[in-house]
């Protein structure tokens, strides 16, 4: 939404207006397509998807769980 904004790994994406609710849906679609992960309703949290660091941890945990199966 704001291509000229530098985003830090711990910046709150929604809070700072970097993404909005539609952006969250786009993010979910991207994660599902790019990393073949499914995001459950109870995983839609600020800890998991609120910052770049959180997204990285979440995707890593999901892909590690898939690899372990």
Protein backbone atom coordinates (compact mmCIF):
# COMPACT_ATOMS: atom_id res chain seq x y z
CA UNK A 1 0.00 0.00 0.00
CA UNK A 2 2.86 2.38 0.76
CA UNK A 3 5.77 1.40 -1.52
CA UNK A 4 8.10 4.20 -0.42
CA UNK A 5 7.98 3.33 3.28
CA UNK A 6 10.85 1.53 4.97
CA UNK A 7 9.46 -1.23 7.16
CA UNK A 8 11.41 -2.57 10.13
CA UNK A 9 11.10 -6.21 11.14
CA UNK A 10 9.23 -5.27 14.34
CA UNK A 11 7.03 -2.50 12.93
CA UNK A 12 3.31 -3.15 13.52
CA UNK A 13 1.96 -3.47 9.99
CA UNK A 14 -1.72 -2.73 10.69
CA UNK A 15 -1.11 -0.19 13.41
CA UNK A 16 1.20 1.86 11.20
CA UNK A 17 -1.08 1.65 8.16
CA UNK A 18 1.40 -0.39 6.15
CA UNK A 19 -1.35 -2.89 5.35
CA UNK A 20 -5.10 -2.80 5.91
CA UNK A 21 -7.66 -5.59 6.26
CA UNK A 22 -7.61 -6.22 2.51
CA UNK A 23 -3.82 -6.32 2.69
CA UNK A 24 -4.08 -9.04 5.34
CA UNK A 25 -6.17 -11.11 2.93
CA UNK A 26 -3.57 -10.54 0.20
CA UNK A 27 -0.85 -11.56 2.66
CA UNK A 28 -2.72 -14.78 3.53
CA UNK A 29 -3.13 -15.65 -0.14
CA UNK A 30 0.54 -14.98 -0.77
CA UNK A 31 1.67 -17.14 2.16
CA UNK A 32 -0.59 -19.99 1.10
CA UNK A 33 0.61 -19.89 -2.51
CA UNK A 34 4.30 -19.13 -1.94
CA UNK A 35 4.92 -21.44 1.01
CA UNK A 36 2.06 -23.94 0.68
CA UNK A 37 0.88 -23.24 4.23
CA UNK A 38 -2.71 -23.02 5.40
CA UNK A 39 -3.55 -20.40 7.97
CA UNK A 40 -6.26 -21.45 10.42
CA UNK A 41 -8.65 -18.89 11.89
CA UNK A 42 -7.07 -19.22 15.33
CA UNK A 43 -3.65 -18.45 13.80
CA UNK A 44 -4.77 -15.02 12.57
CA UNK A 45 -3.10 -13.17 15.40
CA UNK A 46 -0.96 -10.09 15.84
CA UNK A 47 1.88 -12.34 17.05
CA UNK A 48 1.79 -14.41 13.86
CA UNK A 49 1.01 -11.79 11.23
CA UNK A 50 1.48 -8.37 12.80
CA UNK A 51 5.15 -7.81 11.98
CA UNK A 52 7.65 -9.06 9.42
CA UNK A 53 9.49 -10.92 12.20
CA UNK A 54 6.24 -12.56 13.33
CA UNK A 55 5.38 -13.58 9.78
CA UNK A 56 8.83 -15.09 9.35
CA UNK A 57 8.55 -17.09 12.57
CA UNK A 58 5.05 -18.23 11.68
CA UNK A 59 5.98 -19.37 8.16
CA UNK A 60 9.11 -21.11 9.44
CA UNK A 61 7.11 -22.97 12.09
CA UNK A 62 4.42 -23.98 9.59
CA UNK A 63 6.89 -25.17 6.95
CA UNK A 64 8.91 -27.07 9.57
CA UNK A 65 5.71 -28.78 10.74
CA UNK A 66 4.88 -29.74 7.16
CA UNK A 67 8.40 -31.12 6.61
CA UNK A 68 8.16 -33.17 9.81
CA UNK A 69 4.99 -34.94 8.66
